[in-house]
């Protein structure tokens, strides 16, 4: 007989149990394998997802770097614009440079500006240009009476501004150290000139609402959150018009150089200049006229060393034009070559060719009653604005003499508020520069990062960037 196999010797009940155990073991192994596979797939998906986020973050960092470099390039571009203007003190022609969506590699930049000489009528779309600082009122030179004519300003606050910048012995009638000591936290009144316009936040009585108005991101545009009442900051009146706040109308940077110019209070130098431009006979007539005593109704100003007895001490270029008897055409031949001061710089002059009505209204002799007439004249006579002589035609001699010490038609400081994006419209950055050309070559005298204020290019630019980045 053949020997019985092992399975033949195993009872049928035991055989079933062993088969079940084998199948159970195989099933357990399968489940373990599936869990391991699931874990590996999950890890792969997790790392893939993480790498996707890291790739996007790296792409955004690249866009930020591109935008930052675009801003640096834009600053150099602005410096080149200002160094190639027709004459020192002249305004760059907006038609001769690019300020909107200028491409730099994969990045683009914009120079956020304002409408020249008046507040823009379209509050939904930003203007793109350099901003003339001489179109604003200088906080360090304006009198309290001038400051209190600004929109929203009160006499007490104007006095506090003057006190803040004045020496401790010249309080100006505003809040003193005692008032500042009662604040929380307490601090002292500065008693020194303003260094930035943002310093106004420290002046006693100043509020964010008065300082910034509704323009919380300082771009001159009525953004949706600035016209929705109290739904989102800032608080606004939903009148579809932008209140730009005091920051829109003030500056601390304006100064005009006098070096290299002829002082009209020096008869010898003046005679040489006039003879070279107008001829010897006409020069003699003008110098003789200025050497006479003041006419009826004119006060005798104090004389300086070397000035002839009885000669009128002239305090401004416009006053020289009025007293000299020059024709407008004659005056324009020498207007850019004369001064009325021996100081190297004259600070705080307002450019009547670019200042908005709100700033012109602060100037003595102009005021709210004459400011609209000046704005209307320069809009209808853009060809007659090469010198301050046109102001006499609008105001008359008496009012023009009052305004003369405060006005000019030249500008030497400009703001370039530069915003940029990198590739695919990402990496938004914004930096504000102030350039000074009063020493000849442009140089940056102020720089501040404004990226934290949020998007400042308006909804149209944002929509165009989103449309451009869509893939078909």
Protein backbone atom coordinates (compact mmCIF):
# COMPACT_ATOMS: atom_id res chain seq x y z
CA UNK A 1 0.00 0.00 0.00
CA UNK A 2 1.03 3.56 -0.64
CA UNK A 3 1.80 5.64 2.46
CA UNK A 4 -0.89 8.19 3.30
CA UNK A 5 -0.10 11.86 2.55
CA UNK A 6 -0.06 14.34 5.38
CA UNK A 7 -3.30 15.97 4.29
CA UNK A 8 -4.89 12.58 3.99
CA UNK A 9 -4.05 11.96 7.61
CA UNK A 10 -5.49 15.38 8.74
CA UNK A 11 -9.12 15.32 9.76
CA UNK A 12 -11.51 17.34 7.61
CA UNK A 13 -12.39 19.74 10.44
CA UNK A 14 -8.73 20.64 10.98
CA UNK A 15 -8.24 21.12 7.27
CA UNK A 16 -10.94 23.85 7.16
CA UNK A 17 -9.47 25.64 10.13
CA UNK A 18 -6.02 25.79 8.56
CA UNK A 19 -7.37 27.06 5.26
CA UNK A 20 -9.25 29.81 7.05
CA UNK A 21 -6.16 30.79 9.01
CA UNK A 22 -4.13 30.98 5.81
CA UNK A 23 -6.71 33.13 4.13
CA UNK A 24 -6.97 35.38 7.20
CA UNK A 25 -3.19 35.84 7.23
CA UNK A 26 -3.18 36.70 3.53
CA UNK A 27 -6.01 39.21 4.06
CA UNK A 28 -4.16 40.85 6.92
CA UNK A 29 -1.07 41.21 4.78
CA UNK A 30 -3.17 42.77 2.01
CA UNK A 31 -4.70 45.28 4.43
CA UNK A 32 -1.29 46.21 5.78
CA UNK A 33 0.04 46.65 2.26
CA UNK A 34 -2.94 48.85 1.39
CA UNK A 35 -2.43 51.01 4.49
CA UNK A 36 1.27 51.35 3.71
CA UNK A 37 0.43 52.27 0.13
CA UNK A 38 -2.18 54.78 1.35
CA UNK A 39 0.35 56.31 3.71
CA UNK A 40 2.96 56.58 1.00
CA UNK A 41 0.47 58.17 -1.38
CA UNK A 42 -0.61 60.60 1.37
CA UNK A 43 2.99 61.54 2.05
CA UNK A 44 3.60 62.00 -1.65
CA UNK A 45 0.52 64.22 -1.97
CA UNK A 46 1.48 66.18 1.15
CA UNK A 47 4.99 66.85 -0.10
CA UNK A 48 3.71 67.65 -3.56
CA UNK A 49 1.20 70.10 -2.05
CA UNK A 50 3.93 71.61 0.12
CA UNK A 51 6.24 71.96 -2.85
CA UNK A 52 3.41 73.59 -4.80
CA UNK A 53 2.99 76.17 -2.03
CA UNK A 54 6.75 76.63 -1.80
CA UNK A 55 6.94 77.11 -5.55
CA UNK A 56 4.17 79.71 -5.40
CA UNK A 57 5.87 81.44 -2.47
CA UNK A 58 9.18 81.44 -4.33
CA UNK A 59 7.42 82.85 -7.38
CA UNK A 60 5.92 85.59 -5.23
CA UNK A 61 9.33 86.36 -3.71
CA UNK A 62 10.76 86.65 -7.21
CA UNK A 63 7.92 89.03 -8.13
CA UNK A 64 8.62 91.15 -5.04
CA UNK A 65 12.32 91.38 -5.91
CA UNK A 66 11.42 92.30 -9.48
CA UNK A 67 9.07 95.04 -8.25
CA UNK A 68 11.72 96.38 -5.87
CA UNK A 69 14.30 96.53 -8.64
CA UNK A 70 11.73 98.20 -10.91
CA UNK A 71 11.25 100.90 -8.27
CA UNK A 72 15.00 101.47 -8.02
CA UNK A 73 15.15 101.70 -11.79
CA UNK A 74 12.22 104.12 -11.79
CA UNK A 75 14.01 106.34 -9.25
CA UNK A 76 17.04 106.51 -11.54
CA UNK A 77 14.73 107.26 -14.45
CA UNK A 78 13.16 110.16 -12.53
CA UNK A 79 16.60 111.48 -11.61
CA UNK A 80 17.52 111.46 -15.29
CA UNK A 81 14.29 113.29 -16.17
CA UNK A 82 14.99 116.04 -13.64
CA UNK A 83 18.61 116.42 -14.73
CA UNK A 84 17.62 117.00 -18.35
CA UNK A 85 14.87 119.60 -17.93
CA UNK A 86 15.06 122.65 -20.17
CA UNK A 87 16.25 124.94 -17.35
CA UNK A 88 16.91 124.60 -13.63
CA UNK A 89 13.63 125.21 -11.83
CA UNK A 90 11.47 124.35 -14.83
CA UNK A 91 8.73 121.74 -14.60
CA UNK A 92 9.31 118.49 -16.51
CA UNK A 93 6.83 118.19 -19.36
CA UNK A 94 4.59 115.16 -18.61
CA UNK A 95 4.50 114.42 -22.34
CA UNK A 96 8.26 113.85 -22.42
CA UNK A 97 8.44 110.98 -19.93
CA UNK A 98 6.57 107.78 -19.16
CA UNK A 99 4.74 107.37 -15.85
CA UNK A 100 2.16 104.62 -16.41
CA UNK A 101 2.72 100.85 -16.70
CA UNK A 102 6.38 101.29 -17.69
CA UNK A 103 7.88 97.86 -18.34
CA UNK A 104 11.18 96.87 -16.74
CA UNK A 105 11.87 93.26 -17.68
CA UNK A 106 8.88 91.29 -16.39
CA UNK A 107 7.96 94.08 -13.94
CA UNK A 108 6.04 97.32 -14.43
CA UNK A 109 6.01 100.61 -12.53
CA UNK A 110 3.70 103.61 -12.18
CA UNK A 111 4.41 107.11 -10.84
CA UNK A 112 1.29 108.11 -8.90
CA UNK A 113 0.61 111.83 -9.30
CA UNK A 114 -2.07 114.49 -9.15
CA UNK A 115 -3.78 116.64 -11.73
CA UNK A 116 -1.56 119.72 -12.25
CA UNK A 117 -2.84 122.86 -10.59
CA UNK A 118 -6.26 121.63 -9.52
CA UNK A 119 -7.89 118.74 -7.77
CA UNK A 120 -8.91 116.15 -10.33
CA UNK A 121 -12.53 115.70 -11.35
CA UNK A 122 -12.24 111.94 -11.85
CA UNK A 123 -11.89 110.45 -8.37
CA UNK A 124 -11.88 106.82 -9.53
CA UNK A 125 -8.72 106.73 -11.63
CA UNK A 126 -5.31 107.86 -10.38
CA UNK A 127 -3.20 110.37 -12.27
CA UNK A 128 0.33 109.38 -13.24
CA UNK A 129 3.03 112.07 -13.09
CA UNK A 130 5.57 113.70 -10.82
CA UNK A 131 4.16 115.91 -8.06
CA UNK A 132 5.46 119.46 -7.69
CA UNK A 133 6.25 120.12 -4.02
CA UNK A 134 6.23 123.88 -4.70
CA UNK A 135 2.50 123.62 -5.34
CA UNK A 136 2.06 123.18 -1.57
CA UNK A 137 2.31 125.33 1.54
CA UNK A 138 5.53 124.97 3.50
CA UNK A 139 4.90 124.13 7.16
CA UNK A 140 8.17 125.76 8.22
CA UNK A 141 7.56 129.17 6.65
CA UNK A 142 3.80 129.72 6.43
CA UNK A 143 2.32 132.07 9.02
CA UNK A 144 -0.48 131.01 11.34
CA UNK A 145 -2.88 133.20 9.33
CA UNK A 146 -1.90 131.36 6.15
CA UNK A 147 -2.14 127.91 7.75
CA UNK A 148 -5.60 128.47 9.15
CA UNK A 149 -6.92 129.03 5.61
CA UNK A 150 -6.24 125.37 4.78
CA UNK A 151 -9.33 123.11 4.57
CA UNK A 152 -10.36 121.95 8.04
CA UNK A 153 -7.68 123.93 9.87
CA UNK A 154 -8.64 125.90 12.99
CA UNK A 155 -6.87 128.95 14.47
CA UNK A 156 -5.80 126.95 17.54
CA UNK A 157 -4.34 124.16 15.44
CA UNK A 158 -2.55 126.63 13.14
CA UNK A 159 -1.02 128.28 16.22
CA UNK A 160 0.04 124.84 17.52
CA UNK A 161 1.81 124.12 14.23
CA UNK A 162 3.74 127.41 14.45
CA UNK A 163 4.65 126.72 18.09
CA UNK A 164 5.90 123.21 17.25
CA UNK A 165 8.41 124.58 14.72
CA UNK A 166 9.40 127.73 16.64
CA UNK A 167 12.12 128.14 19.22
CA UNK A 168 11.07 127.71 22.85
CA UNK A 169 11.31 131.47 23.33
CA UNK A 170 8.87 132.06 20.45
CA UNK A 171 5.78 130.08 21.34
CA UNK A 172 3.53 131.37 18.56
CA UNK A 173 0.53 131.30 20.87
CA UNK A 174 -0.10 127.56 20.43
CA UNK A 175 0.00 124.54 22.72
CA UNK A 176 3.07 124.49 24.96
CA UNK A 177 4.95 121.76 26.83
CA UNK A 178 2.29 121.72 29.54
CA UNK A 179 -0.35 120.68 27.00
CA UNK A 180 1.86 117.93 25.59
CA UNK A 181 2.69 116.68 29.09
CA UNK A 182 -1.00 115.93 29.66
CA UNK A 183 -1.13 113.54 26.70
CA UNK A 184 -0.84 109.77 27.06
CA UNK A 185 1.95 109.02 26.59
CA UNK A 186 3.33 112.49 27.35
CA UNK A 187 6.05 114.10 25.26
CA UNK A 188 7.50 117.56 24.72
CA UNK A 189 6.84 120.13 22.03
CA UNK A 190 9.66 119.91 19.45
CA UNK A 191 10.43 123.65 19.10
CA UNK A 192 12.34 122.97 15.87
CA UNK A 193 11.47 122.91 12.16
CA UNK A 194 9.38 120.12 10.70
CA UNK A 195 11.48 117.42 9.04
CA UNK A 196 8.62 115.52 7.38
CA UNK A 197 4.95 116.24 6.79
CA UNK A 198 4.03 113.09 8.74
CA UNK A 199 5.38 114.90 11.80
CA UNK A 200 2.08 116.78 11.85
CA UNK A 201 0.65 113.74 13.66
CA UNK A 202 2.58 114.85 16.75
CA UNK A 203 1.13 118.37 16.86
CA UNK A 204 -1.31 118.99 19.67
CA UNK A 205 -4.92 118.91 18.43
CA UNK A 206 -4.19 117.09 15.15
CA UNK A 207 -6.47 114.15 14.34
CA UNK A 208 -6.10 111.36 11.73
CA UNK A 209 -9.39 112.45 10.15
CA UNK A 210 -8.09 115.97 9.56
CA UNK A 211 -4.62 114.86 8.51
CA UNK A 212 -5.49 112.03 6.11
CA UNK A 213 -9.10 112.88 5.27
CA UNK A 214 -10.74 110.00 3.41
CA UNK A 215 -7.63 109.13 1.42
CA UNK A 216 -6.30 106.46 3.74
CA UNK A 217 -3.83 105.06 1.18
CA UNK A 218 -2.64 108.51 0.01
CA UNK A 219 -3.15 107.93 -3.72
CA UNK A 220 -5.56 110.73 -4.60
CA UNK A 221 -8.28 108.27 -5.61
CA UNK A 222 -11.65 107.60 -4.04
CA UNK A 223 -11.30 103.85 -3.52
CA UNK A 224 -14.41 101.73 -2.71
CA UNK A 225 -13.62 101.59 1.02
CA UNK A 226 -13.32 105.40 1.05
CA UNK A 227 -16.87 105.91 -0.17
CA UNK A 228 -18.91 103.39 1.85
CA UNK A 229 -19.73 105.28 5.04
CA UNK A 230 -18.73 103.39 8.16
CA UNK A 231 -18.66 99.90 6.61
CA UNK A 232 -14.86 99.86 6.29
CA UNK A 233 -12.15 102.26 7.44
CA UNK A 234 -11.80 105.16 6.99
CA UNK A 235 -15.00 106.92 8.02
CA UNK A 236 -16.38 108.86 5.05
CA UNK A 237 -19.54 110.72 4.07
CA UNK A 238 -20.32 108.72 0.91
CA UNK A 239 -20.60 111.87 -1.22
CA UNK A 240 -18.52 110.37 -4.08
CA UNK A 241 -15.96 113.16 -3.65
CA UNK A 242 -12.56 112.72 -2.08
CA UNK A 243 -11.44 114.66 0.98
CA UNK A 244 -7.64 114.31 0.68
CA UNK A 245 -6.81 115.72 4.13
CA UNK A 246 -4.17 118.26 5.08
CA UNK A 247 -1.26 116.15 3.83
CA UNK A 248 -2.30 116.92 0.27
CA UNK A 249 -1.63 120.64 0.67
CA UNK A 250 1.54 120.91 2.77
CA UNK A 251 5.26 120.26 2.40
CA UNK A 252 8.54 120.86 4.23
CA UNK A 253 10.97 120.59 1.32
CA UNK A 254 10.59 123.70 -0.84
CA UNK A 255 13.54 126.02 -1.28
CA UNK A 256 14.76 128.05 -4.24
CA UNK A 257 18.46 128.75 -4.86
CA UNK A 258 19.72 132.33 -5.17
CA UNK A 259 23.36 131.64 -5.96
CA UNK A 260 24.46 132.68 -9.42
CA UNK A 261 21.68 135.27 -9.70
CA UNK A 262 21.78 139.04 -9.66
CA UNK A 263 20.37 140.68 -6.54
CA UNK A 264 18.05 143.47 -7.68
CA UNK A 265 18.99 145.44 -4.54
CA UNK A 266 22.55 145.75 -5.82
CA UNK A 267 22.47 148.66 -8.32
CA UNK A 268 25.85 147.88 -9.92
CA UNK A 269 25.09 144.21 -10.59
CA UNK A 270 21.56 145.02 -11.70
CA UNK A 271 22.78 147.66 -14.14
CA UNK A 272 25.20 145.19 -15.72
CA UNK A 273 22.50 142.57 -16.20
CA UNK A 274 19.98 145.04 -17.59
CA UNK A 275 22.53 146.56 -19.97
CA UNK A 276 23.42 143.12 -21.30
CA UNK A 277 19.79 142.18 -21.90
CA UNK A 278 18.01 145.48 -22.58
CA UNK A 279 20.73 147.96 -23.52
CA UNK A 280 22.60 150.62 -21.55
CA UNK A 281 20.00 153.39 -21.92
CA UNK A 282 17.10 151.25 -20.74
CA UNK A 283 19.22 149.93 -17.87
CA UNK A 284 19.95 153.47 -16.70
CA UNK A 285 16.27 154.36 -16.75
CA UNK A 286 15.28 151.35 -14.63
CA UNK A 287 18.08 151.79 -12.07
CA UNK A 288 17.23 155.49 -11.74
CA UNK A 289 13.56 154.68 -11.25
CA UNK A 290 14.34 152.20 -8.49
CA UNK A 291 16.69 154.69 -6.80
CA UNK A 292 13.94 157.22 -6.21
CA UNK A 293 12.06 157.43 -2.91
CA UNK A 294 8.79 155.48 -2.67
CA UNK A 295 5.77 157.05 -4.23
CA UNK A 296 2.54 158.06 -2.46
CA UNK A 297 1.10 155.27 -0.35
CA UNK A 298 4.36 153.28 -0.31
CA UNK A 299 6.25 152.69 2.93
CA UNK A 300 10.00 153.23 3.11
CA UNK A 301 11.57 149.80 3.71
CA UNK A 302 14.83 149.56 5.69
CA UNK A 303 18.05 149.90 3.67
CA UNK A 304 20.88 147.41 3.69
CA UNK A 305 24.58 148.15 3.65
CA UNK A 306 25.71 149.73 0.37
CA UNK A 307 22.17 150.62 -0.73
CA UNK A 308 21.60 154.20 -1.83
CA UNK A 309 19.74 156.58 0.45
CA UNK A 310 16.13 156.89 -0.65
CA UNK A 311 16.26 153.63 -2.62
CA UNK A 312 13.42 151.20 -2.17
CA UNK A 313 14.41 147.90 -0.54
CA UNK A 314 12.85 145.25 -2.80
CA UNK A 315 11.74 142.04 -1.07
CA UNK A 316 10.76 139.87 -4.05
CA UNK A 317 11.15 139.43 -7.78
CA UNK A 318 7.50 140.30 -8.42
CA UNK A 319 7.86 143.52 -6.43
CA UNK A 320 10.86 144.40 -8.59
CA UNK A 321 8.72 143.94 -11.71
CA UNK A 322 5.99 146.22 -10.37
CA UNK A 323 8.35 148.98 -9.17
CA UNK A 324 10.80 148.89 -12.07
CA UNK A 325 8.36 149.83 -14.81
CA UNK A 326 9.58 146.95 -16.99
CA UNK A 327 7.25 145.65 -19.65
CA UNK A 328 6.20 142.05 -19.36
CA UNK A 329 8.38 141.11 -22.33
CA UNK A 330 11.41 142.84 -20.82
CA UNK A 331 10.91 141.22 -17.44
CA UNK A 332 10.73 137.74 -18.92
CA UNK A 333 14.21 138.24 -20.40
CA UNK A 334 15.74 138.50 -16.91
CA UNK A 335 13.19 136.82 -14.61
CA UNK A 336 15.16 133.59 -14.19
CA UNK A 337 18.42 135.43 -13.48
CA UNK A 338 17.43 137.73 -10.61
CA UNK A 339 16.73 137.45 -6.91
CA UNK A 340 15.89 139.83 -4.08
CA UNK A 341 17.86 138.06 -1.34
CA UNK A 342 21.49 137.63 -0.33
CA UNK A 343 20.70 134.29 1.34
CA UNK A 344 21.77 131.17 -0.57
CA UNK A 345 18.19 129.89 -0.59
CA UNK A 346 14.67 131.28 -0.31
CA UNK A 347 12.43 128.77 1.45
CA UNK A 348 8.73 128.15 1.18
CA UNK A 349 7.78 129.90 -2.07
CA UNK A 350 4.57 128.62 -3.68
CA UNK A 351 4.48 128.01 -7.43
CA UNK A 352 1.42 129.93 -8.66
CA UNK A 353 1.50 127.97 -11.91
CA UNK A 354 0.82 124.64 -10.21
CA UNK A 355 -0.69 125.29 -6.76
CA UNK A 356 -4.32 124.19 -6.34
CA UNK A 357 -7.01 126.68 -5.39
CA UNK A 358 -6.93 125.54 -1.74
CA UNK A 359 -3.25 126.54 -1.43
CA UNK A 360 -3.56 129.79 -3.38
CA UNK A 361 -6.35 130.82 -1.02
CA UNK A 362 -3.83 130.81 1.86
CA UNK A 363 -1.54 133.43 0.30
CA UNK A 364 -1.94 137.09 1.35
CA UNK A 365 -3.23 139.26 -1.46
CA UNK A 366 -4.88 136.25 -3.12
CA UNK A 367 -7.18 134.64 -0.57
CA UNK A 368 -10.35 132.66 -1.33
CA UNK A 369 -11.78 135.57 -3.30
CA UNK A 370 -8.97 135.69 -5.90
CA UNK A 371 -7.75 132.08 -6.03
CA UNK A 372 -10.43 130.94 -8.53
CA UNK A 373 -9.50 133.80 -10.87
CA UNK A 374 -5.83 132.76 -10.87
CA UNK A 375 -6.72 129.14 -11.63
CA UNK A 376 -9.07 130.20 -14.43
CA UNK A 377 -6.46 132.52 -15.96
CA UNK A 378 -3.68 129.94 -16.11
CA UNK A 379 -6.04 127.38 -17.62
CA UNK A 380 -7.02 129.75 -20.41
CA UNK A 381 -3.57 131.35 -20.91
CA UNK A 382 -0.97 128.57 -20.61
CA UNK A 383 1.38 130.50 -22.89
CA UNK A 384 1.69 133.46 -20.47
CA UNK A 385 2.99 131.66 -17.38
CA UNK A 386 6.75 131.90 -17.93
CA UNK A 387 7.16 134.46 -15.13
CA UNK A 388 5.19 135.83 -12.17
CA UNK A 389 4.27 138.93 -14.17
CA UNK A 390 0.91 137.41 -15.12
CA UNK A 391 -0.21 137.58 -11.49
CA UNK A 392 -0.30 141.40 -11.67
CA UNK A 393 -2.70 141.21 -14.60
CA UNK A 394 -5.13 139.14 -12.55
CA UNK A 395 -4.77 140.67 -9.08
CA UNK A 396 -3.75 144.27 -9.76
CA UNK A 397 -0.67 145.90 -8.30
CA UNK A 398 -1.75 146.31 -4.68
CA UNK A 399 -2.85 142.70 -4.17
CA UNK A 400 0.11 141.42 -6.18
CA UNK A 401 2.50 143.31 -3.89
CA UNK A 402 0.97 141.54 -0.87
CA UNK A 403 1.39 138.16 -2.54
CA UNK A 404 4.84 138.88 -4.00
CA UNK A 405 7.03 137.60 -1.09
CA UNK A 406 5.31 134.19 -1.14
CA UNK A 407 5.09 133.16 -4.80
CA UNK A 408 7.28 131.96 -7.66
CA UNK A 409 6.96 130.16 -10.98
CA UNK A 410 9.89 127.81 -10.42
CA UNK A 411 10.05 124.40 -8.76
CA UNK A 412 13.06 122.50 -7.47
CA UNK A 413 11.55 119.67 -5.41
CA UNK A 414 9.41 116.86 -6.79
CA UNK A 415 7.72 113.80 -5.34
CA UNK A 416 7.89 110.50 -7.21
CA UNK A 417 5.35 108.12 -5.64
CA UNK A 418 6.40 104.90 -7.38
CA UNK A 419 4.35 101.68 -7.31
CA UNK A 420 5.43 98.50 -9.08
CA UNK A 421 4.48 94.86 -9.64
CA UNK A 422 6.61 91.93 -10.71
CA UNK A 423 5.84 89.03 -13.04
CA UNK A 424 2.18 88.10 -13.53
CA UNK A 425 1.13 91.25 -11.67
CA UNK A 426 2.38 89.96 -8.32
CA UNK A 427 4.73 91.31 -5.66
CA UNK A 428 3.18 94.79 -5.33
CA UNK A 429 5.55 97.36 -3.82
CA UNK A 430 5.35 101.13 -3.32
CA UNK A 431 7.95 103.72 -2.31
CA UNK A 432 7.67 107.51 -2.15
CA UNK A 433 10.75 109.58 -3.06
CA UNK A 434 11.31 113.33 -2.81
CA UNK A 435 13.94 114.72 -5.20
CA UNK A 436 15.71 118.05 -4.71
CA UNK A 437 17.35 119.85 -7.65
CA UNK A 438 18.16 123.12 -5.87
CA UNK A 439 21.89 122.27 -5.82
CA UNK A 440 22.02 121.49 -9.52
CA UNK A 441 21.92 117.71 -9.81
CA UNK A 442 18.86 115.82 -8.50
CA UNK A 443 19.28 113.99 -5.23
CA UNK A 444 16.89 112.01 -3.04
CA UNK A 445 16.20 113.84 0.22
CA UNK A 446 13.35 111.65 1.46
CA UNK A 447 12.33 108.03 0.98
CA UNK A 448 9.48 106.11 2.60
CA UNK A 449 8.03 102.65 1.93
CA UNK A 450 4.24 102.88 1.49
CA UNK A 451 3.56 99.24 0.57
CA UNK A 452 1.71 98.73 3.86
CA UNK A 453 -0.98 101.19 2.76
CA UNK A 454 -2.29 98.64 0.25
CA UNK A 455 -3.22 98.82 -3.42
CA UNK A 456 -3.00 102.37 -4.76
CA UNK A 457 -3.33 102.02 -8.53
CA UNK A 458 -7.12 101.94 -8.78
CA UNK A 459 -9.53 99.26 -9.92
CA UNK A 460 -8.84 99.74 -13.64
CA UNK A 461 -5.16 98.84 -13.36
CA UNK A 462 -5.98 95.88 -11.11
CA UNK A 463 -8.56 94.61 -13.61
CA UNK A 464 -6.12 94.96 -16.50
CA UNK A 465 -3.41 93.04 -14.62
CA UNK A 466 -5.81 90.20 -13.80
CA UNK A 467 -6.97 90.04 -17.39
CA UNK A 468 -3.41 89.96 -18.68
CA UNK A 469 -2.45 87.04 -16.41
CA UNK A 470 -5.32 84.80 -17.46
CA UNK A 471 -4.26 81.83 -19.54
CA UNK A 472 -6.40 80.97 -22.60
